[in-house]
PDB file of all heavy atoms in Angstrom:
ATOM      1  N   ILE A   1       0.819  -1.222   0.000  1.00  0.00           N
ATOM      2  CA  ILE A   1      -0.004  -0.004   0.001  1.00  0.00           C
ATOM      3  C   ILE A   1       0.848   1.270  -0.003  1.00  0.00           C
ATOM      4  O   ILE A   1       0.322   2.369   0.150  1.00  0.00           O
ATOM      5  CB  ILE A   1      -0.985   0.017   1.192  1.00  0.00           C
ATOM      6  CG1 ILE A   1      -0.254   0.049   2.534  1.00  0.00           C
ATOM      7  CG2 ILE A   1      -1.960  -1.148   1.096  1.00  0.00           C
ATOM      8  CD1 ILE A   1      -1.146   0.335   3.737  1.00  0.00           C
ATOM      9  N   ARG A   2       2.163   1.134  -0.194  1.00  0.00           N
ATOM     10  CA  ARG A   2       3.036   2.317  -0.215  1.00  0.00           C
ATOM     11  C   ARG A   2       2.724   3.183  -1.429  1.00  0.00           C
ATOM     12  O   ARG A   2       2.323   2.696  -2.482  1.00  0.00           O
ATOM     13  CB  ARG A   2       4.501   1.898  -0.266  1.00  0.00           C
ATOM     14  CG  ARG A   2       4.951   1.167   0.986  1.00  0.00           C
ATOM     15  CD  ARG A   2       6.368   0.661   0.844  1.00  0.00           C
ATOM     16  NE  ARG A   2       6.460  -0.239  -0.302  1.00  0.00           N
ATOM     17  CZ  ARG A   2       7.501  -0.278  -1.144  1.00  0.00           C
ATOM     18  NH1 ARG A   2       8.549   0.508  -0.965  1.00  0.00           N
ATOM     19  NH2 ARG A   2       7.495  -1.112  -2.153  1.00  0.00           N
ATOM     20  N   TYR A   3       2.960   4.467  -1.280  1.00  0.00           N
ATOM     21  CA  TYR A   3       2.738   5.362  -2.412  1.00  0.00           C
ATOM     22  C   TYR A   3       3.877   5.241  -3.429  1.00  0.00           C
ATOM     23  O   TYR A   3       4.954   4.699  -3.118  1.00  0.00           O
ATOM     24  CB  TYR A   3       2.459   6.792  -1.985  1.00  0.00           C
ATOM     25  CG  TYR A   3       3.474   7.395  -1.048  1.00  0.00           C
ATOM     26  CD1 TYR A   3       4.590   8.096  -1.534  1.00  0.00           C
ATOM     27  CD2 TYR A   3       3.313   7.325   0.337  1.00  0.00           C
ATOM     28  CE1 TYR A   3       5.495   8.668  -0.690  1.00  0.00           C
ATOM     29  CE2 TYR A   3       4.221   7.896   1.197  1.00  0.00           C
ATOM     30  CZ  TYR A   3       5.329   8.562   0.674  1.00  0.00           C
ATOM     31  OH  TYR A   3       6.244   9.136   1.520  1.00  0.00           O
ATOM     32  N   ALA A   4       3.627   5.711  -4.625  1.00  0.00           N
ATOM     33  CA  ALA A   4       4.528   5.486  -5.771  1.00  0.00           C
ATOM     34  C   ALA A   4       5.957   5.949  -5.499  1.00  0.00           C
ATOM     35  O   ALA A   4       6.905   5.251  -5.891  1.00  0.00           O
ATOM     36  CB  ALA A   4       3.966   6.170  -7.009  1.00  0.00           C
ATOM     37  N   ALA A   5       6.148   7.070  -4.857  1.00  0.00           N
ATOM     38  CA  ALA A   5       7.509   7.572  -4.633  1.00  0.00           C
ATOM     39  C   ALA A   5       8.335   6.594  -3.803  1.00  0.00           C
ATOM     40  O   ALA A   5       9.526   6.420  -4.069  1.00  0.00           O
ATOM     41  CB  ALA A   5       7.467   8.937  -3.974  1.00  0.00           C
ATOM     42  N   LEU A   6       7.723   5.947  -2.839  1.00  0.00           N
ATOM     43  CA  LEU A   6       8.460   4.956  -2.039  1.00  0.00           C
ATOM     44  C   LEU A   6       8.752   3.701  -2.849  1.00  0.00           C
ATOM     45  O   LEU A   6       9.845   3.114  -2.740  1.00  0.00           O
ATOM     46  CB  LEU A   6       7.675   4.586  -0.782  1.00  0.00           C
ATOM     47  CG  LEU A   6       7.620   5.662   0.306  1.00  0.00           C
ATOM     48  CD1 LEU A   6       6.743   5.190   1.458  1.00  0.00           C
ATOM     49  CD2 LEU A   6       9.017   5.995   0.800  1.00  0.00           C
ATOM     50  N   ARG A   7       7.812   3.274  -3.671  1.00  0.00           N
ATOM     51  CA  ARG A   7       8.070   2.111  -4.521  1.00  0.00           C
ATOM     52  C   ARG A   7       9.188   2.411  -5.503  1.00  0.00           C
ATOM     53  O   ARG A   7      10.056   1.578  -5.740  1.00  0.00           O
ATOM     54  CB  ARG A   7       6.793   1.679  -5.239  1.00  0.00           C
ATOM     55  CG  ARG A   7       5.720   1.151  -4.294  1.00  0.00           C
ATOM     56  CD  ARG A   7       4.577   0.485  -5.039  1.00  0.00           C
ATOM     57  NE  ARG A   7       4.042   1.243  -6.140  1.00  0.00           N
ATOM     58  CZ  ARG A   7       3.048   2.121  -6.064  1.00  0.00           C
ATOM     59  NH1 ARG A   7       2.450   2.364  -4.907  1.00  0.00           N
ATOM     60  NH2 ARG A   7       2.609   2.745  -7.137  1.00  0.00           N
ATOM     61  N   GLU A   8       9.168   3.612  -6.084  1.00  0.00           N
ATOM     62  CA  GLU A   8      10.225   3.980  -7.026  1.00  0.00           C
ATOM     63  C   GLU A   8      11.571   4.079  -6.338  1.00  0.00           C
ATOM     64  O   GLU A   8      12.581   3.690  -6.903  1.00  0.00           O
ATOM     65  CB  GLU A   8       9.864   5.311  -7.701  1.00  0.00           C
ATOM     66  CG  GLU A   8       8.717   5.170  -8.691  1.00  0.00           C
ATOM     67  CD  GLU A   8       8.250   6.508  -9.260  1.00  0.00           C
ATOM     68  OE1 GLU A   8       8.867   7.563  -8.960  1.00  0.00           O
ATOM     69  OE2 GLU A   8       7.249   6.499  -9.994  1.00  0.00           O
ATOM     70  N   ARG A   9      11.594   4.583  -5.116  1.00  0.00           N
ATOM     71  CA  ARG A   9      12.850   4.735  -4.374  1.00  0.00           C
ATOM     72  C   ARG A   9      13.425   3.380  -3.957  1.00  0.00           C
ATOM     73  O   ARG A   9      14.614   3.126  -4.106  1.00  0.00           O
ATOM     74  CB  ARG A   9      12.614   5.600  -3.138  1.00  0.00           C
ATOM     75  CG  ARG A   9      13.908   5.857  -2.335  1.00  0.00           C
ATOM     76  CD  ARG A   9      13.610   6.537  -1.034  1.00  0.00           C
ATOM     77  NE  ARG A   9      13.073   5.563  -0.076  1.00  0.00           N
ATOM     78  CZ  ARG A   9      12.558   5.883   1.088  1.00  0.00           C
ATOM     79  NH1 ARG A   9      12.482   7.132   1.474  1.00  0.00           N
ATOM     80  NH2 ARG A   9      12.087   4.929   1.901  1.00  0.00           N
ATOM     81  N   ASP A  10      12.557   2.499  -3.434  1.00  0.00           N
ATOM     82  CA  ASP A  10      13.036   1.274  -2.772  1.00  0.00           C
ATOM     83  C   ASP A  10      12.769  -0.013  -3.535  1.00  0.00           C
ATOM     84  O   ASP A  10      13.333  -1.038  -3.203  1.00  0.00           O
ATOM     85  CB  ASP A  10      12.395   1.154  -1.403  1.00  0.00           C
ATOM     86  CG  ASP A  10      12.830   2.248  -0.449  1.00  0.00           C
ATOM     87  OD1 ASP A  10      13.904   2.830  -0.660  1.00  0.00           O
ATOM     88  OD2 ASP A  10      12.071   2.514   0.513  1.00  0.00           O
ATOM     89  N   GLY A  11      11.886   0.013  -4.512  1.00  0.00           N
ATOM     90  CA  GLY A  11      11.508  -1.199  -5.233  1.00  0.00           C
ATOM     91  C   GLY A  11      10.247  -1.833  -4.667  1.00  0.00           C
ATOM     92  O   GLY A  11       9.586  -1.254  -3.796  1.00  0.00           O
ATOM     93  N   THR A  12       9.938  -3.013  -5.159  1.00  0.00           N
ATOM     94  CA  THR A  12       8.718  -3.713  -4.738  1.00  0.00           C
ATOM     95  C   THR A  12       9.032  -5.173  -4.430  1.00  0.00           C
ATOM     96  O   THR A  12      10.089  -5.686  -4.792  1.00  0.00           O
ATOM     97  CB  THR A  12       7.635  -3.667  -5.838  1.00  0.00           C
ATOM     98  OG1 THR A  12       8.128  -4.313  -7.013  1.00  0.00           O
ATOM     99  CG2 THR A  12       7.206  -2.244  -6.154  1.00  0.00           C
ATOM    100  N   ILE A  13       8.090  -5.815  -3.784  1.00  0.00           N
ATOM    101  CA  ILE A  13       8.193  -7.240  -3.485  1.00  0.00           C
ATOM    102  C   ILE A  13       7.671  -8.020  -4.692  1.00  0.00           C
ATOM    103  O   ILE A  13       6.544  -7.754  -5.141  1.00  0.00           O
ATOM    104  CB  ILE A  13       7.377  -7.584  -2.226  1.00  0.00           C
ATOM    105  CG1 ILE A  13       7.958  -6.851  -1.012  1.00  0.00           C
ATOM    106  CG2 ILE A  13       7.340  -9.090  -2.008  1.00  0.00           C
ATOM    107  CD1 ILE A  13       7.079  -6.950   0.232  1.00  0.00           C
ATOM    108  N   PRO A  14       8.454  -8.935  -5.245  1.00  0.00           N
ATOM    109  CA  PRO A  14       7.968  -9.700  -6.405  1.00  0.00           C
ATOM    110  C   PRO A  14       6.635 -10.385  -6.085  1.00  0.00           C
ATOM    111  O   PRO A  14       6.490 -11.023  -5.038  1.00  0.00           O
ATOM    112  CB  PRO A  14       9.064 -10.731  -6.639  1.00  0.00           C
ATOM    113  CG  PRO A  14      10.290 -10.162  -5.996  1.00  0.00           C
ATOM    114  CD  PRO A  14       9.801  -9.355  -4.835  1.00  0.00           C
ATOM    115  N   GLY A  15       5.693 -10.237  -6.968  1.00  0.00           N
ATOM    116  CA  GLY A  15       4.392 -10.888  -6.827  1.00  0.00           C
ATOM    117  C   GLY A  15       3.388 -10.156  -5.928  1.00  0.00           C
ATOM    118  O   GLY A  15       2.233 -10.568  -5.846  1.00  0.00           O
ATOM    119  N   ALA A  16       3.818  -9.086  -5.273  1.00  0.00           N
ATOM    120  CA  ALA A  16       2.897  -8.340  -4.424  1.00  0.00           C
ATOM    121  C   ALA A  16       1.926  -7.538  -5.297  1.00  0.00           C
ATOM    122  O   ALA A  16       2.299  -7.017  -6.328  1.00  0.00           O
ATOM    123  CB  ALA A  16       3.642  -7.410  -3.484  1.00  0.00           C
ATOM    124  N   LEU A  17       0.699  -7.466  -4.840  1.00  0.00           N
ATOM    125  CA  LEU A  17      -0.311  -6.627  -5.497  1.00  0.00           C
ATOM    126  C   LEU A  17      -0.097  -5.199  -5.020  1.00  0.00           C
ATOM    127  O   LEU A  17       0.003  -4.944  -3.816  1.00  0.00           O
ATOM    128  CB  LEU A  17      -1.706  -7.110  -5.107  1.00  0.00           C
ATOM    129  CG  LEU A  17      -2.877  -6.303  -5.629  1.00  0.00           C
ATOM    130  CD1 LEU A  17      -2.953  -6.360  -7.158  1.00  0.00           C
ATOM    131  CD2 LEU A  17      -4.186  -6.818  -5.013  1.00  0.00           C
ATOM    132  N   ILE A  18      -0.014  -4.268  -5.934  1.00  0.00           N
ATOM    133  CA  ILE A  18       0.170  -2.863  -5.609  1.00  0.00           C
ATOM    134  C   ILE A  18      -1.206  -2.205  -5.572  1.00  0.00           C
ATOM    135  O   ILE A  18      -1.921  -2.153  -6.579  1.00  0.00           O
ATOM    136  CB  ILE A  18       1.033  -2.126  -6.655  1.00  0.00           C
ATOM    137  CG1 ILE A  18       2.366  -2.851  -6.884  1.00  0.00           C
ATOM    138  CG2 ILE A  18       1.209  -0.672  -6.275  1.00  0.00           C
ATOM    139  CD1 ILE A  18       3.254  -2.955  -5.668  1.00  0.00           C
ATOM    140  N   VAL A  19      -1.583  -1.719  -4.394  1.00  0.00           N
ATOM    141  CA  VAL A  19      -2.848  -1.005  -4.218  1.00  0.00           C
ATOM    142  C   VAL A  19      -2.594   0.119  -3.224  1.00  0.00           C
ATOM    143  O   VAL A  19      -2.321  -0.163  -2.053  1.00  0.00           O
ATOM    144  CB  VAL A  19      -3.969  -1.925  -3.639  1.00  0.00           C
ATOM    145  CG1 VAL A  19      -5.244  -1.142  -3.431  1.00  0.00           C
ATOM    146  CG2 VAL A  19      -4.214  -3.125  -4.537  1.00  0.00           C
ATOM    147  N   GLU A  20      -2.640   1.331  -3.672  1.00  0.00           N
ATOM    148  CA  GLU A  20      -2.411   2.421  -2.742  1.00  0.00           C
ATOM    149  C   GLU A  20      -3.516   2.452  -1.702  1.00  0.00           C
ATOM    150  O   GLU A  20      -4.644   2.013  -1.947  1.00  0.00           O
ATOM    151  CB  GLU A  20      -2.254   3.741  -3.490  1.00  0.00           C
ATOM    152  CG  GLU A  20      -0.942   3.753  -4.264  1.00  0.00           C
ATOM    153  CD  GLU A  20      -0.498   5.113  -4.726  1.00  0.00           C
ATOM    154  OE1 GLU A  20      -0.944   6.119  -4.167  1.00  0.00           O
ATOM    155  OE2 GLU A  20       0.321   5.168  -5.658  1.00  0.00           O
ATOM    156  N   ARG A  21      -3.191   2.942  -0.528  1.00  0.00           N
ATOM    157  CA  ARG A  21      -4.068   2.860   0.634  1.00  0.00           C
ATOM    158  C   ARG A  21      -5.483   3.374   0.374  1.00  0.00           C
ATOM    159  O   ARG A  21      -6.458   2.778   0.838  1.00  0.00           O
ATOM    160  CB  ARG A  21      -3.423   3.616   1.829  1.00  0.00           C
ATOM    161  CG  ARG A  21      -4.283   3.677   3.075  1.00  0.00           C
ATOM    162  CD  ARG A  21      -4.551   2.298   3.625  1.00  0.00           C
ATOM    163  NE  ARG A  21      -5.507   2.277   4.713  1.00  0.00           N
ATOM    164  CZ  ARG A  21      -6.776   1.939   4.572  1.00  0.00           C
ATOM    165  NH1 ARG A  21      -7.274   1.632   3.385  1.00  0.00           N
ATOM    166  NH2 ARG A  21      -7.591   1.938   5.607  1.00  0.00           N
ATOM    167  N   ASN A  22      -5.617   4.436  -0.353  1.00  0.00           N
ATOM    168  CA  ASN A  22      -6.937   5.030  -0.552  1.00  0.00           C
ATOM    169  C   ASN A  22      -7.875   4.162  -1.400  1.00  0.00           C
ATOM    170  O   ASN A  22      -9.071   4.421  -1.463  1.00  0.00           O
ATOM    171  CB  ASN A  22      -6.825   6.435  -1.157  1.00  0.00           C
ATOM    172  CG  ASN A  22      -6.200   6.450  -2.530  1.00  0.00           C
ATOM    173  OD1 ASN A  22      -5.250   5.722  -2.783  1.00  0.00           O
ATOM    174  ND2 ASN A  22      -6.714   7.283  -3.408  1.00  0.00           N
ATOM    175  N   GLU A  23      -7.365   3.118  -2.039  1.00  0.00           N
ATOM    176  CA  GLU A  23      -8.186   2.219  -2.844  1.00  0.00           C
ATOM    177  C   GLU A  23      -8.327   0.827  -2.238  1.00  0.00           C
ATOM    178  O   GLU A  23      -9.012  -0.036  -2.803  1.00  0.00           O
ATOM    179  CB  GLU A  23      -7.572   2.060  -4.245  1.00  0.00           C
ATOM    180  CG  GLU A  23      -7.495   3.317  -5.046  1.00  0.00           C
ATOM    181  CD  GLU A  23      -6.836   3.094  -6.403  1.00  0.00           C
ATOM    182  OE1 GLU A  23      -6.425   1.966  -6.711  1.00  0.00           O
ATOM    183  OE2 GLU A  23      -6.743   4.067  -7.153  1.00  0.00           O
ATOM    184  N   LEU A  24      -7.693   0.578  -1.125  1.00  0.00           N
ATOM    185  CA  LEU A  24      -7.536  -0.776  -0.600  1.00  0.00           C
ATOM    186  C   LEU A  24      -8.844  -1.528  -0.420  1.00  0.00           C
ATOM    187  O   LEU A  24      -9.001  -2.637  -0.932  1.00  0.00           O
ATOM    188  CB  LEU A  24      -6.779  -0.744   0.742  1.00  0.00           C
ATOM    189  CG  LEU A  24      -6.480  -2.099   1.353  1.00  0.00           C
ATOM    190  CD1 LEU A  24      -5.497  -2.884   0.500  1.00  0.00           C
ATOM    191  CD2 LEU A  24      -5.956  -1.923   2.770  1.00  0.00           C
ATOM    192  N   GLU A  25      -9.785  -0.973   0.293  1.00  0.00           N
ATOM    193  CA  GLU A  25     -11.033  -1.679   0.569  1.00  0.00           C
ATOM    194  C   GLU A  25     -11.801  -1.994  -0.717  1.00  0.00           C
ATOM    195  O   GLU A  25     -12.363  -3.070  -0.858  1.00  0.00           O
ATOM    196  CB  GLU A  25     -11.910  -0.880   1.544  1.00  0.00           C
ATOM    197  CG  GLU A  25     -11.356  -0.837   2.966  1.00  0.00           C
ATOM    198  CD  GLU A  25     -10.242   0.190   3.187  1.00  0.00           C
ATOM    199  OE1 GLU A  25      -9.880   0.920   2.221  1.00  0.00           O
ATOM    200  OE2 GLU A  25      -9.729   0.271   4.311  1.00  0.00           O
ATOM    201  N   TRP A  26     -11.808  -1.083  -1.674  1.00  0.00           N
ATOM    202  CA  TRP A  26     -12.525  -1.302  -2.934  1.00  0.00           C
ATOM    203  C   TRP A  26     -11.860  -2.409  -3.741  1.00  0.00           C
ATOM    204  O   TRP A  26     -12.530  -3.204  -4.368  1.00  0.00           O
ATOM    205  CB  TRP A  26     -12.613   0.003  -3.742  1.00  0.00           C
ATOM    206  CG  TRP A  26     -13.595   0.931  -3.168  1.00  0.00           C
ATOM    207  CD1 TRP A  26     -14.918   1.039  -3.521  1.00  0.00           C
ATOM    208  CD2 TRP A  26     -13.389   1.877  -2.125  1.00  0.00           C
ATOM    209  NE1 TRP A  26     -15.534   1.997  -2.748  1.00  0.00           N
ATOM    210  CE2 TRP A  26     -14.615   2.527  -1.883  1.00  0.00           C
ATOM    211  CE3 TRP A  26     -12.297   2.244  -1.350  1.00  0.00           C
ATOM    212  CZ2 TRP A  26     -14.779   3.512  -0.918  1.00  0.00           C
ATOM    213  CZ3 TRP A  26     -12.443   3.218  -0.387  1.00  0.00           C
ATOM    214  CH2 TRP A  26     -13.687   3.830  -0.182  1.00  0.00           C
ATOM    215  N   ARG A  27     -10.561  -2.472  -3.720  1.00  0.00           N
ATOM    216  CA  ARG A  27      -9.827  -3.442  -4.525  1.00  0.00           C
ATOM    217  C   ARG A  27      -9.769  -4.834  -3.900  1.00  0.00           C
ATOM    218  O   ARG A  27      -9.594  -5.834  -4.585  1.00  0.00           O
ATOM    219  CB  ARG A  27      -8.402  -2.947  -4.793  1.00  0.00           C
ATOM    220  CG  ARG A  27      -8.350  -1.568  -5.433  1.00  0.00           C
ATOM    221  CD  ARG A  27      -8.751  -1.539  -6.886  1.00  0.00           C
ATOM    222  NE  ARG A  27      -7.701  -2.163  -7.658  1.00  0.00           N
ATOM    223  CZ  ARG A  27      -7.906  -2.848  -8.764  1.00  0.00           C
ATOM    224  NH1 ARG A  27      -9.106  -3.003  -9.246  1.00  0.00           N
ATOM    225  NH2 ARG A  27      -6.901  -3.389  -9.410  1.00  0.00           N
ATOM    226  N   LEU A  28      -9.953  -4.917  -2.552  1.00  0.00           N
ATOM    227  CA  LEU A  28      -9.841  -6.214  -1.872  1.00  0.00           C
ATOM    228  C   LEU A  28     -11.171  -6.820  -1.493  1.00  0.00           C
ATOM    229  O   LEU A  28     -11.226  -7.951  -1.019  1.00  0.00           O
ATOM    230  CB  LEU A  28      -8.962  -6.070  -0.627  1.00  0.00           C
ATOM    231  CG  LEU A  28      -7.471  -6.298  -0.816  1.00  0.00           C
ATOM    232  CD1 LEU A  28      -7.120  -7.748  -1.023  1.00  0.00           C
ATOM    233  CD2 LEU A  28      -6.860  -5.463  -1.894  1.00  0.00           C
ATOM    234  N   ASP A  29     -12.286  -6.116  -1.678  1.00  0.00           N
ATOM    235  CA  ASP A  29     -13.595  -6.685  -1.380  1.00  0.00           C
ATOM    236  C   ASP A  29     -13.950  -7.691  -2.477  1.00  0.00           C
ATOM    237  O   ASP A  29     -14.208  -7.298  -3.619  1.00  0.00           O
ATOM    238  CB  ASP A  29     -14.646  -5.570  -1.315  1.00  0.00           C
ATOM    239  CG  ASP A  29     -16.052  -6.077  -1.044  1.00  0.00           C
ATOM    240  OD1 ASP A  29     -16.254  -7.318  -0.937  1.00  0.00           O
ATOM    241  OD2 ASP A  29     -16.953  -5.253  -0.914  1.00  0.00           O
ATOM    242  N   PRO A  30     -13.973  -8.992  -2.153  1.00  0.00           N
ATOM    243  CA  PRO A  30     -14.248  -9.993  -3.192  1.00  0.00           C
ATOM    244  C   PRO A  30     -15.594  -9.853  -3.867  1.00  0.00           C
ATOM    245  O   PRO A  30     -15.797 -10.398  -4.955  1.00  0.00           O
ATOM    246  CB  PRO A  30     -14.165 -11.325  -2.426  1.00  0.00           C
ATOM    247  CG  PRO A  30     -13.421 -11.033  -1.189  1.00  0.00           C
ATOM    248  CD  PRO A  30     -13.719  -9.595  -0.859  1.00  0.00           C
ATOM    249  N   THR A  31     -16.535  -9.147  -3.244  1.00  0.00           N
ATOM    250  CA  THR A  31     -17.860  -8.978  -3.825  1.00  0.00           C
ATOM    251  C   THR A  31     -18.027  -7.657  -4.568  1.00  0.00           C
ATOM    252  O   THR A  31     -19.069  -7.417  -5.151  1.00  0.00           O
ATOM    253  CB  THR A  31     -18.942  -9.066  -2.731  1.00  0.00           C
ATOM    254  OG1 THR A  31     -18.776  -7.973  -1.833  1.00  0.00           O
ATOM    255  CG2 THR A  31     -18.842 -10.376  -1.975  1.00  0.00           C
ATOM    256  N   GLY A  32     -17.003  -6.812  -4.541  1.00  0.00           N
ATOM    257  CA  GLY A  32     -17.125  -5.476  -5.110  1.00  0.00           C
ATOM    258  C   GLY A  32     -16.908  -5.407  -6.601  1.00  0.00           C
ATOM    259  O   GLY A  32     -16.208  -6.235  -7.184  1.00  0.00           O
ATOM    260  N   ASP A  33     -17.503  -4.408  -7.212  1.00  0.00           N
ATOM    261  CA  ASP A  33     -17.351  -4.193  -8.646  1.00  0.00           C
ATOM    262  C   ASP A  33     -15.939  -3.765  -9.039  1.00  0.00           C
ATOM    263  O   ASP A  33     -15.548  -3.919 -10.197  1.00  0.00           O
ATOM    264  CB  ASP A  33     -18.337  -3.122  -9.136  1.00  0.00           C
ATOM    265  CG  ASP A  33     -19.783  -3.570  -9.038  1.00  0.00           C
ATOM    266  OD1 ASP A  33     -20.030  -4.792  -8.998  1.00  0.00           O
ATOM    267  OD2 ASP A  33     -20.666  -2.685  -8.970  1.00  0.00           O
ATOM    268  N   HIS A  34     -15.181  -3.203  -8.099  1.00  0.00           N
ATOM    269  CA  HIS A  34     -13.854  -2.664  -8.412  1.00  0.00           C
ATOM    270  C   HIS A  34     -12.732  -3.538  -7.846  1.00  0.00           C
ATOM    271  O   HIS A  34     -11.598  -3.100  -7.758  1.00  0.00           O
ATOM    272  CB  HIS A  34     -13.723  -1.238  -7.871  1.00  0.00           C
ATOM    273  CG  HIS A  34     -14.763  -0.321  -8.424  1.00  0.00           C
ATOM    274  ND1 HIS A  34     -14.741   0.102  -9.724  1.00  0.00           N
ATOM    275  CD2 HIS A  34     -15.866   0.219  -7.867  1.00  0.00           C
ATOM    276  CE1 HIS A  34     -15.789   0.881  -9.946  1.00  0.00           C
ATOM    277  NE2 HIS A  34     -16.500   0.960  -8.834  1.00  0.00           N
TER     278      HIS A  34
END
């Protein structure tokens, strides 16, 4: 859930889903449209 500047600075975890914090609940709700 880190913001882009931190991901660009430090990299990412292979295979991790990137979802910024403000979208988390919408993107992880298995029943949601988003």
